[in-house]
PDB file of N, CA and C in Angstrom:
ATOM      1  N   MET A   1     -21.816   0.965  62.160  1.00  0.00           N
ATOM      2  CA  MET A   1     -22.171   0.652  60.794  1.00  0.00           C
ATOM      3  C   MET A   1     -20.907   0.213  60.066  1.00  0.00           C
ATOM      4  N   SER A   2     -21.000  -0.818  59.298  1.00  0.00           N
ATOM      5  CA  SER A   2     -19.842  -1.359  58.589  1.00  0.00           C
ATOM      6  C   SER A   2     -19.654  -0.673  57.247  1.00  0.00           C
ATOM      7  N   ASP A   3     -18.438  -0.829  56.712  1.00  0.00           N
ATOM      8  CA  ASP A   3     -18.178  -0.326  55.363  1.00  0.00           C
ATOM      9  C   ASP A   3     -19.097  -0.989  54.355  1.00  0.00           C
ATOM     10  N   ALA A   4     -19.469  -2.250  54.601  1.00  0.00           N
ATOM     11  CA  ALA A   4     -20.385  -2.954  53.704  1.00  0.00           C
ATOM     12  C   ALA A   4     -21.736  -2.263  53.651  1.00  0.00           C
ATOM     13  N   SER A   5     -22.207  -1.745  54.785  1.00  0.00           N
ATOM     14  CA  SER A   5     -23.486  -1.029  54.813  1.00  0.00           C
ATOM     15  C   SER A   5     -23.402   0.269  54.021  1.00  0.00           C
ATOM     16  N   VAL A   6     -22.296   0.980  54.161  1.00  0.00           N
ATOM     17  CA  VAL A   6     -22.088   2.209  53.384  1.00  0.00           C
ATOM     18  C   VAL A   6     -22.043   1.871  51.904  1.00  0.00           C
ATOM     19  N   GLU A   7     -21.292   0.844  51.545  1.00  0.00           N
ATOM     20  CA  GLU A   7     -21.205   0.424  50.138  1.00  0.00           C
ATOM     21  C   GLU A   7     -22.577   0.041  49.591  1.00  0.00           C
ATOM     22  N   ARG A   8     -23.403  -0.638  50.408  1.00  0.00           N
ATOM     23  CA  ARG A   8     -24.753  -1.027  49.970  1.00  0.00           C
ATOM     24  C   ARG A   8     -25.578   0.220  49.639  1.00  0.00           C
ATOM     25  N   ILE A   9     -25.498   1.235  50.474  1.00  0.00           N
ATOM     26  CA  ILE A   9     -26.225   2.481  50.224  1.00  0.00           C
ATOM     27  C   ILE A   9     -25.753   3.117  48.922  1.00  0.00           C
ATOM     28  N   LEU A  10     -24.437   3.174  48.720  1.00  0.00           N
ATOM     29  CA  LEU A  10     -23.895   3.787  47.502  1.00  0.00           C
ATOM     30  C   LEU A  10     -24.266   2.984  46.265  1.00  0.00           C
ATOM     31  N   GLU A  11     -24.226   1.670  46.367  1.00  0.00           N
ATOM     32  CA  GLU A  11     -24.630   0.820  45.238  1.00  0.00           C
ATOM     33  C   GLU A  11     -26.090   1.054  44.883  1.00  0.00           C
ATOM     34  N   GLU A  12     -26.935   1.211  45.891  1.00  0.00           N
ATOM     35  CA  GLU A  12     -28.356   1.446  45.628  1.00  0.00           C
ATOM     36  C   GLU A  12     -28.580   2.835  45.032  1.00  0.00           C
ATOM     37  N   LEU A  13     -27.852   3.852  45.498  1.00  0.00           N
ATOM     38  CA  LEU A  13     -27.938   5.186  44.875  1.00  0.00           C
ATOM     39  C   LEU A  13     -27.612   5.107  43.394  1.00  0.00           C
ATOM     40  N   GLN A  14     -26.516   4.424  43.087  1.00  0.00           N
ATOM     41  CA  GLN A  14     -26.074   4.299  41.695  1.00  0.00           C
ATOM     42  C   GLN A  14     -27.099   3.527  40.862  1.00  0.00           C
ATOM     43  N   ALA A  15     -27.569   2.396  41.379  1.00  0.00           N
ATOM     44  CA  ALA A  15     -28.540   1.577  40.643  1.00  0.00           C
ATOM     45  C   ALA A  15     -29.851   2.335  40.420  1.00  0.00           C
ATOM     46  N   ALA A  16     -30.301   3.051  41.435  1.00  0.00           N
ATOM     47  CA  ALA A  16     -31.546   3.807  41.310  1.00  0.00           C
ATOM     48  C   ALA A  16     -31.418   4.905  40.259  1.00  0.00           C
ATOM     49  N   TRP A  17     -30.298   5.638  40.292  1.00  0.00           N
ATOM     50  CA  TRP A  17     -30.078   6.682  39.283  1.00  0.00           C
ATOM     51  C   TRP A  17     -30.072   6.058  37.894  1.00  0.00           C
ATOM     52  N   ASN A  18     -29.315   4.975  37.743  1.00  0.00           N
ATOM     53  CA  ASN A  18     -29.161   4.362  36.421  1.00  0.00           C
ATOM     54  C   ASN A  18     -30.444   3.725  35.910  1.00  0.00           C
ATOM     55  N   SER A  19     -31.406   3.465  36.795  1.00  0.00           N
ATOM     56  CA  SER A  19     -32.705   2.965  36.361  1.00  0.00           C
ATOM     57  C   SER A  19     -33.702   4.115  36.159  1.00  0.00           C
ATOM     58  N   GLY A  20     -33.274   5.353  36.486  1.00  0.00           N
ATOM     59  CA  GLY A  20     -34.138   6.517  36.307  1.00  0.00           C
ATOM     60  C   GLY A  20     -35.300   6.557  37.275  1.00  0.00           C
ATOM     61  N   ASP A  21     -35.102   6.026  38.480  1.00  0.00           N
ATOM     62  CA  ASP A  21     -36.179   5.913  39.461  1.00  0.00           C
ATOM     63  C   ASP A  21     -35.888   6.795  40.674  1.00  0.00           C
ATOM     64  N   GLY A  22     -36.483   7.967  40.697  1.00  0.00           N
ATOM     65  CA  GLY A  22     -36.250   8.925  41.770  1.00  0.00           C
ATOM     66  C   GLY A  22     -36.729   8.449  43.120  1.00  0.00           C
ATOM     67  N   HIS A  23     -37.824   7.704  43.159  1.00  0.00           N
ATOM     68  CA  HIS A  23     -38.338   7.232  44.442  1.00  0.00           C
ATOM     69  C   HIS A  23     -37.504   6.075  44.981  1.00  0.00           C
ATOM     70  N   ARG A  24     -36.969   5.271  44.093  1.00  0.00           N
ATOM     71  CA  ARG A  24     -36.027   4.234  44.534  1.00  0.00           C
ATOM     72  C   ARG A  24     -34.772   4.886  45.107  1.00  0.00           C
ATOM     73  N   LEU A  25     -34.283   5.932  44.455  1.00  0.00           N
ATOM     74  CA  LEU A  25     -33.125   6.657  44.953  1.00  0.00           C
ATOM     75  C   LEU A  25     -33.403   7.206  46.347  1.00  0.00           C
ATOM     76  N   ALA A  26     -34.569   7.782  46.522  1.00  0.00           N
ATOM     77  CA  ALA A  26     -34.922   8.398  47.808  1.00  0.00           C
ATOM     78  C   ALA A  26     -35.102   7.371  48.918  1.00  0.00           C
ATOM     79  N   ALA A  27     -35.318   6.120  48.576  1.00  0.00           N
ATOM     80  CA  ALA A  27     -35.567   5.090  49.582  1.00  0.00           C
ATOM     81  C   ALA A  27     -34.379   4.867  50.516  1.00  0.00           C
ATOM     82  N   VAL A  28     -33.162   5.258  50.118  1.00  0.00           N
ATOM     83  CA  VAL A  28     -31.994   5.110  51.006  1.00  0.00           C
ATOM     84  C   VAL A  28     -31.838   6.318  51.936  1.00  0.00           C
ATOM     85  N   PHE A  29     -32.718   7.289  51.805  1.00  0.00           N
ATOM     86  CA  PHE A  29     -32.711   8.473  52.662  1.00  0.00           C
ATOM     87  C   PHE A  29     -33.691   8.284  53.813  1.00  0.00           C
ATOM     88  N   ALA A  30     -33.371   8.853  54.954  1.00  0.00           N
ATOM     89  CA  ALA A  30     -34.291   8.855  56.087  1.00  0.00           C
ATOM     90  C   ALA A  30     -35.526   9.685  55.730  1.00  0.00           C
ATOM     91  N   GLU A  31     -36.618   9.364  56.366  1.00  0.00           N
ATOM     92  CA  GLU A  31     -37.870  10.094  56.129  1.00  0.00           C
ATOM     93  C   GLU A  31     -37.678  11.597  56.343  1.00  0.00           C
ATOM     94  N   ASP A  32     -36.849  11.981  57.324  1.00  0.00           N
ATOM     95  CA  ASP A  32     -36.626  13.393  57.657  1.00  0.00           C
ATOM     96  C   ASP A  32     -35.293  13.927  57.120  1.00  0.00           C
ATOM     97  N   ALA A  33     -34.780  13.306  56.065  1.00  0.00           N
ATOM     98  CA  ALA A  33     -33.489  13.695  55.495  1.00  0.00           C
ATOM     99  C   ALA A  33     -33.551  15.071  54.832  1.00  0.00           C
ATOM    100  N   THR A  34     -32.364  15.666  54.703  1.00  0.00           N
ATOM    101  CA  THR A  34     -32.203  16.879  53.905  1.00  0.00           C
ATOM    102  C   THR A  34     -31.126  16.627  52.860  1.00  0.00           C
ATOM    103  N   MET A  35     -31.296  17.267  51.716  1.00  0.00           N
ATOM    104  CA  MET A  35     -30.312  17.172  50.645  1.00  0.00           C
ATOM    105  C   MET A  35     -30.114  18.567  50.065  1.00  0.00           C
ATOM    106  N   VAL A  36     -28.851  18.976  49.970  1.00  0.00           N
ATOM    107  CA  VAL A  36     -28.522  20.205  49.262  1.00  0.00           C
ATOM    108  C   VAL A  36     -27.944  19.774  47.922  1.00  0.00           C
ATOM    109  N   ASP A  37     -28.628  20.150  46.841  1.00  0.00           N
ATOM    110  CA  ASP A  37     -28.197  19.711  45.515  1.00  0.00           C
ATOM    111  C   ASP A  37     -27.131  20.644  44.944  1.00  0.00           C
ATOM    112  N   VAL A  38     -26.659  20.333  43.737  1.00  0.00           N
ATOM    113  CA  VAL A  38     -25.555  21.096  43.143  1.00  0.00           C
ATOM    114  C   VAL A  38     -25.937  22.543  42.836  1.00  0.00           C
ATOM    115  N   ARG A  39     -27.227  22.833  42.789  1.00  0.00           N
ATOM    116  CA  ARG A  39     -27.665  24.207  42.553  1.00  0.00           C
ATOM    117  C   ARG A  39     -27.903  24.959  43.852  1.00  0.00           C
ATOM    118  N   GLY A  40     -27.665  24.301  44.990  1.00  0.00           N
ATOM    119  CA  GLY A  40     -27.828  24.957  46.277  1.00  0.00           C
ATOM    120  C   GLY A  40     -29.241  24.915  46.822  1.00  0.00           C
ATOM    121  N   ARG A  41     -30.112  24.133  46.200  1.00  0.00           N
ATOM    122  CA  ARG A  41     -31.482  23.996  46.702  1.00  0.00           C
ATOM    123  C   ARG A  41     -31.493  22.986  47.839  1.00  0.00           C
ATOM    124  N   MET A  42     -32.246  23.259  48.890  1.00  0.00           N
ATOM    125  CA  MET A  42     -32.396  22.299  49.977  1.00  0.00           C
ATOM    126  C   MET A  42     -33.703  21.545  49.792  1.00  0.00           C
ATOM    127  N   LEU A  43     -33.574  20.241  49.674  1.00  0.00           N
ATOM    128  CA  LEU A  43     -34.728  19.357  49.569  1.00  0.00           C
ATOM    129  C   LEU A  43     -34.937  18.746  50.942  1.00  0.00           C
ATOM    130  N   LYS A  44     -36.157  18.819  51.444  1.00  0.00           N
ATOM    131  CA  LYS A  44     -36.450  18.332  52.798  1.00  0.00           C
ATOM    132  C   LYS A  44     -37.412  17.157  52.735  1.00  0.00           C
ATOM    133  N   GLY A  45     -36.956  16.029  53.250  1.00  0.00           N
ATOM    134  CA  GLY A  45     -37.785  14.842  53.342  1.00  0.00           C
ATOM    135  C   GLY A  45     -37.600  13.888  52.173  1.00  0.00           C
ATOM    136  N   ARG A  46     -37.777  12.600  52.487  1.00  0.00           N
ATOM    137  CA  ARG A  46     -37.604  11.543  51.484  1.00  0.00           C
ATOM    138  C   ARG A  46     -38.501  11.767  50.268  1.00  0.00           C
ATOM    139  N   SER A  47     -39.771  12.110  50.491  1.00  0.00           N
ATOM    140  CA  SER A  47     -40.679  12.248  49.343  1.00  0.00           C
ATOM    141  C   SER A  47     -40.287  13.421  48.455  1.00  0.00           C
ATOM    142  N   HIS A  48     -39.832  14.531  49.044  1.00  0.00           N
ATOM    143  CA  HIS A  48     -39.387  15.673  48.253  1.00  0.00           C
ATOM    144  C   HIS A  48     -38.149  15.302  47.428  1.00  0.00           C
ATOM    145  N   ILE A  49     -37.210  14.600  48.050  1.00  0.00           N
ATOM    146  CA  ILE A  49     -36.004  14.144  47.345  1.00  0.00           C
ATOM    147  C   ILE A  49     -36.396  13.230  46.184  1.00  0.00           C
ATOM    148  N   GLY A  50     -37.308  12.306  46.425  1.00  0.00           N
ATOM    149  CA  GLY A  50     -37.752  11.394  45.370  1.00  0.00           C
ATOM    150  C   GLY A  50     -38.468  12.109  44.240  1.00  0.00           C
ATOM    151  N   ASP A  51     -39.384  13.015  44.584  1.00  0.00           N
ATOM    152  CA  ASP A  51     -40.133  13.750  43.552  1.00  0.00           C
ATOM    153  C   ASP A  51     -39.206  14.591  42.685  1.00  0.00           C
ATOM    154  N   GLU A  52     -38.275  15.305  43.313  1.00  0.00           N
ATOM    155  CA  GLU A  52     -37.350  16.156  42.548  1.00  0.00           C
ATOM    156  C   GLU A  52     -36.467  15.330  41.625  1.00  0.00           C
ATOM    157  N   HIS A  53     -35.971  14.193  42.112  1.00  0.00           N
ATOM    158  CA  HIS A  53     -35.125  13.353  41.260  1.00  0.00           C
ATOM    159  C   HIS A  53     -35.928  12.717  40.128  1.00  0.00           C
ATOM    160  N   GLN A  54     -37.172  12.338  40.405  1.00  0.00           N
ATOM    161  CA  GLN A  54     -37.983  11.763  39.337  1.00  0.00           C
ATOM    162  C   GLN A  54     -38.189  12.782  38.223  1.00  0.00           C
ATOM    163  N   THR A  55     -38.450  14.034  38.596  1.00  0.00           N
ATOM    164  CA  THR A  55     -38.593  15.093  37.593  1.00  0.00           C
ATOM    165  C   THR A  55     -37.310  15.247  36.784  1.00  0.00           C
ATOM    166  N   LEU A  56     -36.164  15.232  37.450  1.00  0.00           N
ATOM    167  CA  LEU A  56     -34.880  15.339  36.750  1.00  0.00           C
ATOM    168  C   LEU A  56     -34.665  14.170  35.801  1.00  0.00           C
ATOM    169  N   PHE A  57     -34.999  12.953  36.245  1.00  0.00           N
ATOM    170  CA  PHE A  57     -34.794  11.762  35.404  1.00  0.00           C
ATOM    171  C   PHE A  57     -35.715  11.757  34.191  1.00  0.00           C
ATOM    172  N   GLU A  58     -36.815  12.481  34.272  1.00  0.00           N
ATOM    173  CA  GLU A  58     -37.748  12.563  33.148  1.00  0.00           C
ATOM    174  C   GLU A  58     -37.443  13.743  32.228  1.00  0.00           C
ATOM    175  N   THR A  59     -36.513  14.613  32.656  1.00  0.00           N
ATOM    176  CA  THR A  59     -36.209  15.813  31.863  1.00  0.00           C
ATOM    177  C   THR A  59     -34.705  15.893  31.603  1.00  0.00           C
ATOM    178  N   ILE A  60     -33.995  16.772  32.286  1.00  0.00           N
ATOM    179  CA  ILE A  60     -32.601  17.057  31.926  1.00  0.00           C
ATOM    180  C   ILE A  60     -31.627  15.915  32.189  1.00  0.00           C
ATOM    181  N   PHE A  61     -31.983  14.950  33.046  1.00  0.00           N
ATOM    182  CA  PHE A  61     -31.098  13.809  33.299  1.00  0.00           C
ATOM    183  C   PHE A  61     -31.606  12.536  32.626  1.00  0.00           C
ATOM    184  N   LYS A  62     -32.512  12.687  31.678  1.00  0.00           N
ATOM    185  CA  LYS A  62     -33.073  11.527  30.981  1.00  0.00           C
ATOM    186  C   LYS A  62     -31.946  10.720  30.327  1.00  0.00           C
ATOM    187  N   GLU A  63     -31.976   9.410  30.583  1.00  0.00           N
ATOM    188  CA  GLU A  63     -31.000   8.458  30.031  1.00  0.00           C
ATOM    189  C   GLU A  63     -29.564   8.727  30.484  1.00  0.00           C
ATOM    190  N   SER A  64     -29.406   9.438  31.576  1.00  0.00           N
ATOM    191  CA  SER A  64     -28.068   9.668  32.116  1.00  0.00           C
ATOM    192  C   SER A  64     -27.623   8.443  32.913  1.00  0.00           C
ATOM    193  N   THR A  65     -26.321   8.361  33.132  1.00  0.00           N
ATOM    194  CA  THR A  65     -25.771   7.302  33.979  1.00  0.00           C
ATOM    195  C   THR A  65     -24.921   7.949  35.055  1.00  0.00           C
ATOM    196  N   PHE A  66     -24.716   7.198  36.124  1.00  0.00           N
ATOM    197  CA  PHE A  66     -24.105   7.744  37.323  1.00  0.00           C
ATOM    198  C   PHE A  66     -23.182   6.708  37.934  1.00  0.00           C
ATOM    199  N   GLN A  67     -22.000   7.159  38.324  1.00  0.00           N
ATOM    200  CA  GLN A  67     -21.051   6.318  39.052  1.00  0.00           C
ATOM    201  C   GLN A  67     -20.681   7.052  40.331  1.00  0.00           C
ATOM    202  N   ILE A  68     -20.644   6.325  41.440  1.00  0.00           N
ATOM    203  CA  ILE A  68     -20.285   6.927  42.715  1.00  0.00           C
ATOM    204  C   ILE A  68     -19.230   6.056  43.381  1.00  0.00           C
ATOM    205  N   GLU A  69     -18.262   6.707  44.012  1.00  0.00           N
ATOM    206  CA  GLU A  69     -17.148   5.992  44.631  1.00  0.00           C
ATOM    207  C   GLU A  69     -16.923   6.507  46.050  1.00  0.00           C
ATOM    208  N   LEU A  70     -16.742   5.581  46.959  1.00  0.00           N
ATOM    209  CA  LEU A  70     -16.453   5.923  48.350  1.00  0.00           C
ATOM    210  C   LEU A  70     -15.030   6.461  48.460  1.00  0.00           C
ATOM    211  N   LEU A  71     -14.892   7.641  49.068  1.00  0.00           N
ATOM    212  CA  LEU A  71     -13.569   8.194  49.336  1.00  0.00           C
ATOM    213  C   LEU A  71     -13.130   7.863  50.754  1.00  0.00           C
ATOM    214  N   ASP A  72     -14.017   8.100  51.733  1.00  0.00           N
ATOM    215  CA  ASP A  72     -13.706   7.756  53.118  1.00  0.00           C
ATOM    216  C   ASP A  72     -14.991   7.719  53.927  1.00  0.00           C
ATOM    217  N   ALA A  73     -14.900   7.088  55.079  1.00  0.00           N
ATOM    218  CA  ALA A  73     -16.030   6.989  55.996  1.00  0.00           C
ATOM    219  C   ALA A  73     -15.485   6.997  57.418  1.00  0.00           C
ATOM    220  N   TYR A  74     -16.111   7.796  58.266  1.00  0.00           N
ATOM    221  CA  TYR A  74     -15.677   7.946  59.649  1.00  0.00           C
ATOM    222  C   TYR A  74     -16.855   7.705  60.585  1.00  0.00           C
ATOM    223  N   SER A  75     -16.716   6.730  61.473  1.00  0.00           N
ATOM    224  CA  SER A  75     -17.743   6.491  62.470  1.00  0.00           C
ATOM    225  C   SER A  75     -17.704   7.613  63.498  1.00  0.00           C
ATOM    226  N   LEU A  76     -18.874   8.177  63.769  1.00  0.00           N
ATOM    227  CA  LEU A  76     -19.001   9.236  64.768  1.00  0.00           C
ATOM    228  C   LEU A  76     -19.662   8.708  66.034  1.00  0.00           C
ATOM    229  N   GLY A  77     -19.942   7.414  66.071  1.00  0.00           N
ATOM    230  CA  GLY A  77     -20.606   6.815  67.217  1.00  0.00           C
ATOM    231  C   GLY A  77     -22.112   6.967  67.143  1.00  0.00           C
ATOM    232  N   GLU A  78     -22.816   6.219  67.960  1.00  0.00           N
ATOM    233  CA  GLU A  78     -24.272   6.290  68.076  1.00  0.00           C
ATOM    234  C   GLU A  78     -24.995   6.165  66.733  1.00  0.00           C
ATOM    235  N   GLY A  79     -24.504   5.278  65.855  1.00  0.00           N
ATOM    236  CA  GLY A  79     -25.166   5.025  64.581  1.00  0.00           C
ATOM    237  C   GLY A  79     -24.919   6.068  63.517  1.00  0.00           C
ATOM    238  N   LEU A  80     -23.963   6.966  63.722  1.00  0.00           N
ATOM    239  CA  LEU A  80     -23.664   8.033  62.757  1.00  0.00           C
ATOM    240  C   LEU A  80     -22.352   7.755  62.033  1.00  0.00           C
ATOM    241  N   VAL A  81     -22.364   7.942  60.715  1.00  0.00           N
ATOM    242  CA  VAL A  81     -21.159   7.784  59.906  1.00  0.00           C
ATOM    243  C   VAL A  81     -21.069   8.980  58.962  1.00  0.00           C
ATOM    244  N   LEU A  82     -19.917   9.625  58.935  1.00  0.00           N
ATOM    245  CA  LEU A  82     -19.640  10.712  58.007  1.00  0.00           C
ATOM    246  C   LEU A  82     -18.963  10.103  56.783  1.00  0.00           C
ATOM    247  N   VAL A  83     -19.505  10.369  55.611  1.00  0.00           N
ATOM    248  CA  VAL A  83     -19.034   9.739  54.375  1.00  0.00           C
ATOM    249  C   VAL A  83     -18.730  10.809  53.338  1.00  0.00           C
ATOM    250  N   HIS A  84     -17.619  10.633  52.621  1.00  0.00           N
ATOM    251  CA  HIS A  84     -17.295  11.466  51.460  1.00  0.00           C
ATOM    252  C   HIS A  84     -17.234  10.567  50.238  1.00  0.00           C
ATOM    253  N   THR A  85     -17.827  11.028  49.159  1.00  0.00           N
ATOM    254  CA  THR A  85     -17.844  10.276  47.905  1.00  0.00           C
ATOM    255  C   THR A  85     -17.495  11.201  46.747  1.00  0.00           C
ATOM    256  N   SER A  86     -17.114  10.587  45.645  1.00  0.00           N
ATOM    257  CA  SER A  86     -16.969  11.331  44.391  1.00  0.00           C
ATOM    258  C   SER A  86     -17.859  10.653  43.360  1.00  0.00           C
ATOM    259  N   SER A  87     -18.282  11.416  42.381  1.00  0.00           N
ATOM    260  CA  SER A  87     -19.202  10.863  41.389  1.00  0.00           C
ATOM    261  C   SER A  87     -18.951  11.460  40.013  1.00  0.00           C
ATOM    262  N   ILE A  88     -19.451  10.726  39.025  1.00  0.00           N
ATOM    263  CA  ILE A  88     -19.491  11.207  37.645  1.00  0.00           C
ATOM    264  C   ILE A  88     -20.879  10.903  37.110  1.00  0.00           C
ATOM    265  N   ALA A  89     -21.549  11.923  36.632  1.00  0.00           N
ATOM    266  CA  ALA A  89     -22.828  11.752  35.940  1.00  0.00           C
ATOM    267  C   ALA A  89     -22.568  11.987  34.460  1.00  0.00           C
ATOM    268  N   HIS A  90     -22.927  11.005  33.652  1.00  0.00           N
ATOM    269  CA  HIS A  90     -22.805  11.118  32.198  1.00  0.00           C
ATOM    270  C   HIS A  90     -24.188  11.498  31.676  1.00  0.00           C
ATOM    271  N   ILE A  91     -24.305  12.724  31.186  1.00  0.00           N
ATOM    272  CA  ILE A  91     -25.603  13.245  30.767  1.00  0.00           C
ATOM    273  C   ILE A  91     -25.564  13.437  29.247  1.00  0.00           C
ATOM    274  N   PRO A  92     -26.445  12.721  28.531  1.00  0.00           N
ATOM    275  CA  PRO A  92     -26.341  12.716  27.071  1.00  0.00           C
ATOM    276  C   PRO A  92     -26.807  13.992  26.377  1.00  0.00           C
ATOM    277  N   ASP A  93     -27.684  14.767  27.015  1.00  0.00           N
ATOM    278  CA  ASP A  93     -28.304  15.884  26.311  1.00  0.00           C
ATOM    279  C   ASP A  93     -28.633  17.017  27.267  1.00  0.00           C
ATOM    280  N   GLY A  94     -28.947  18.173  26.731  1.00  0.00           N
ATOM    281  CA  GLY A  94     -29.448  19.264  27.542  1.00  0.00           C
ATOM    282  C   GLY A  94     -28.375  20.165  28.117  1.00  0.00           C
ATOM    283  N   PRO A  95     -28.766  21.004  29.084  1.00  0.00           N
ATOM    284  CA  PRO A  95     -27.865  22.036  29.605  1.00  0.00           C
ATOM    285  C   PRO A  95     -26.653  21.500  30.364  1.00  0.00           C
ATOM    286  N   ARG A  96     -26.712  20.271  30.843  1.00  0.00           N
ATOM    287  CA  ARG A  96     -25.572  19.688  31.556  1.00  0.00           C
ATOM    288  C   ARG A  96     -24.957  18.522  30.789  1.00  0.00           C
ATOM    289  N   ALA A  97     -25.127  18.509  29.486  1.00  0.00           N
ATOM    290  CA  ALA A  97     -24.610  17.412  28.659  1.00  0.00           C
ATOM    291  C   ALA A  97     -23.111  17.238  28.874  1.00  0.00           C
ATOM    292  N   GLY A  98     -22.684  15.993  28.941  1.00  0.00           N
ATOM    293  CA  GLY A  98     -21.277  15.664  29.127  1.00  0.00           C
ATOM    294  C   GLY A  98     -21.052  14.991  30.458  1.00  0.00           C
ATOM    295  N   GLN A  99     -19.803  14.981  30.894  1.00  0.00           N
ATOM    296  CA  GLN A  99     -19.445  14.390  32.180  1.00  0.00           C
ATOM    297  C   GLN A  99     -19.479  15.465  33.259  1.00  0.00           C
ATOM    298  N   ASN A 100     -20.227  15.211  34.299  1.00  0.00           N
ATOM    299  CA  ASN A 100     -20.336  16.125  35.427  1.00  0.00           C
ATOM    300  C   ASN A 100     -19.740  15.445  36.642  1.00  0.00           C
ATOM    301  N   HIS A 101     -18.654  16.004  37.161  1.00  0.00           N
ATOM    302  CA  HIS A 101     -17.965  15.445  38.321  1.00  0.00           C
ATOM    303  C   HIS A 101     -18.473  16.136  39.578  1.00  0.00           C
ATOM    304  N   GLY A 102     -18.680  15.345  40.614  1.00  0.00           N
ATOM    305  CA  GLY A 102     -19.155  15.899  41.874  1.00  0.00           C
ATOM    306  C   GLY A 102     -18.440  15.286  43.055  1.00  0.00           C
ATOM    307  N   ILE A 103     -18.569  15.949  44.166  1.00  0.00           N
ATOM    308  CA  ILE A 103     -18.090  15.418  45.440  1.00  0.00           C
ATOM    309  C   ILE A 103     -19.218  15.624  46.441  1.00  0.00           C
ATOM    310  N   GLN A 104     -19.423  14.615  47.290  1.00  0.00           N
ATOM    311  CA  GLN A 104     -20.548  14.642  48.200  1.00  0.00           C
ATOM    312  C   GLN A 104     -20.076  14.402  49.636  1.00  0.00           C
ATOM    313  N   THR A 105     -20.783  15.010  50.552  1.00  0.00           N
ATOM    314  CA  THR A 105     -20.632  14.748  51.977  1.00  0.00           C
ATOM    315  C   THR A 105     -21.977  14.232  52.456  1.00  0.00           C
ATOM    316  N   GLN A 106     -21.940  13.103  53.148  1.00  0.00           N
ATOM    317  CA  GLN A 106     -23.166  12.480  53.620  1.00  0.00           C
ATOM    318  C   GLN A 106     -23.040  12.161  55.106  1.00  0.00           C
ATOM    319  N   LEU A 107     -24.132  12.321  55.807  1.00  0.00           N
ATOM    320  CA  LEU A 107     -24.216  11.850  57.174  1.00  0.00           C
ATOM    321  C   LEU A 107     -25.233  10.720  57.167  1.00  0.00           C
ATOM    322  N   ILE A 108     -24.753   9.527  57.492  1.00  0.00           N
ATOM    323  CA  ILE A 108     -25.621   8.360  57.528  1.00  0.00           C
ATOM    324  C   ILE A 108     -25.976   8.086  58.983  1.00  0.00           C
ATOM    325  N   ARG A 109     -27.262   7.947  59.213  1.00  0.00           N
ATOM    326  CA  ARG A 109     -27.777   7.704  60.559  1.00  0.00           C
ATOM    327  C   ARG A 109     -28.559   6.396  60.551  1.00  0.00           C
ATOM    328  N   ASN A 110     -28.073   5.434  61.327  1.00  0.00           N
ATOM    329  CA  ASN A 110     -28.757   4.148  61.460  1.00  0.00           C
ATOM    330  C   ASN A 110     -29.113   3.520  60.112  1.00  0.00           C
ATOM    331  N   GLY A 111     -28.151   3.546  59.190  1.00  0.00           N
ATOM    332  CA  GLY A 111     -28.315   2.859  57.906  1.00  0.00           C
ATOM    333  C   GLY A 111     -29.062   3.618  56.833  1.00  0.00           C
ATOM    334  N   GLU A 112     -29.382   4.893  57.074  1.00  0.00           N
ATOM    335  CA  GLU A 112     -30.061   5.724  56.075  1.00  0.00           C
ATOM    336  C   GLU A 112     -29.334   7.058  55.964  1.00  0.00           C
ATOM    337  N   ILE A 113     -29.383   7.649  54.789  1.00  0.00           N
ATOM    338  CA  ILE A 113     -28.788   8.971  54.616  1.00  0.00           C
ATOM    339  C   ILE A 113     -29.687   9.990  55.307  1.00  0.00           C
ATOM    340  N   PHE A 114     -29.092  10.732  56.230  1.00  0.00           N
ATOM    341  CA  PHE A 114     -29.824  11.756  56.977  1.00  0.00           C
ATOM    342  C   PHE A 114     -29.563  13.145  56.393  1.00  0.00           C
ATOM    343  N   ALA A 115     -28.324  13.386  55.947  1.00  0.00           N
ATOM    344  CA  ALA A 115     -27.966  14.675  55.343  1.00  0.00           C
ATOM    345  C   ALA A 115     -27.031  14.402  54.178  1.00  0.00           C
ATOM    346  N   PHE A 116     -27.220  15.149  53.089  1.00  0.00           N
ATOM    347  CA  PHE A 116     -26.465  14.930  51.858  1.00  0.00           C
ATOM    348  C   PHE A 116     -26.169  16.286  51.234  1.00  0.00           C
ATOM    349  N   GLN A 117     -24.909  16.571  50.998  1.00  0.00           N
ATOM    350  CA  GLN A 117     -24.483  17.807  50.326  1.00  0.00           C
ATOM    351  C   GLN A 117     -23.771  17.405  49.049  1.00  0.00           C
ATOM    352  N   ASN A 118     -24.223  17.908  47.927  1.00  0.00           N
ATOM    353  CA  ASN A 118     -23.648  17.576  46.624  1.00  0.00           C
ATOM    354  C   ASN A 118     -23.039  18.830  46.012  1.00  0.00           C
ATOM    355  N   THR A 119     -21.777  18.739  45.627  1.00  0.00           N
ATOM    356  CA  THR A 119     -21.075  19.884  45.045  1.00  0.00           C
ATOM    357  C   THR A 119     -20.541  19.502  43.671  1.00  0.00           C
ATOM    358  N   LEU A 120     -20.862  20.296  42.687  1.00  0.00           N
ATOM    359  CA  LEU A 120     -20.349  20.106  41.339  1.00  0.00           C
ATOM    360  C   LEU A 120     -18.909  20.603  41.306  1.00  0.00           C
ATOM    361  N   CYS A 121     -18.013  19.788  40.790  1.00  0.00           N
ATOM    362  CA  CYS A 121     -16.597  20.154  40.736  1.00  0.00           C
ATOM    363  C   CYS A 121     -16.307  21.006  39.505  1.00  0.00           C
ATOM    364  N   ALA A 122     -15.472  21.985  39.680  1.00  0.00           N
ATOM    365  CA  ALA A 122     -15.032  22.808  38.551  1.00  0.00           C
ATOM    366  C   ALA A 122     -14.186  21.936  37.623  1.00  0.00           C
ATOM    367  N   GLU A 123     -14.283  22.198  36.365  1.00  0.00           N
ATOM    368  CA  GLU A 123     -13.548  21.372  35.408  1.00  0.00           C
ATOM    369  C   GLU A 123     -12.169  21.887  35.162  1.00  0.00           C
TER     370      GLU A 123
END
């Protein structure tokens, strides 16, 4: 997998978040993907990831914006890439109002996110 493919996935994550579309965001995840969110919840499967994000975009992350940046990517062979990213979510209102910095670890399998761990950074 090329760096361009990783960048395409990250660009789509960012665009989907910024459009408030949880199912579009989930479309870059494998059907059998897992995601551990910043609260430590494990979301299993593309549809679960999409549904949970759509709920967030309609409630506490309403009108939020998101920036994600590639830190590094390591090919593990056989279509697997280990990726680290950093992010900033700008949340206008609610319990997480302000800038929320995160760091993520992703395992990309054959062009889709297979595993995603999101950690909120201490300020």
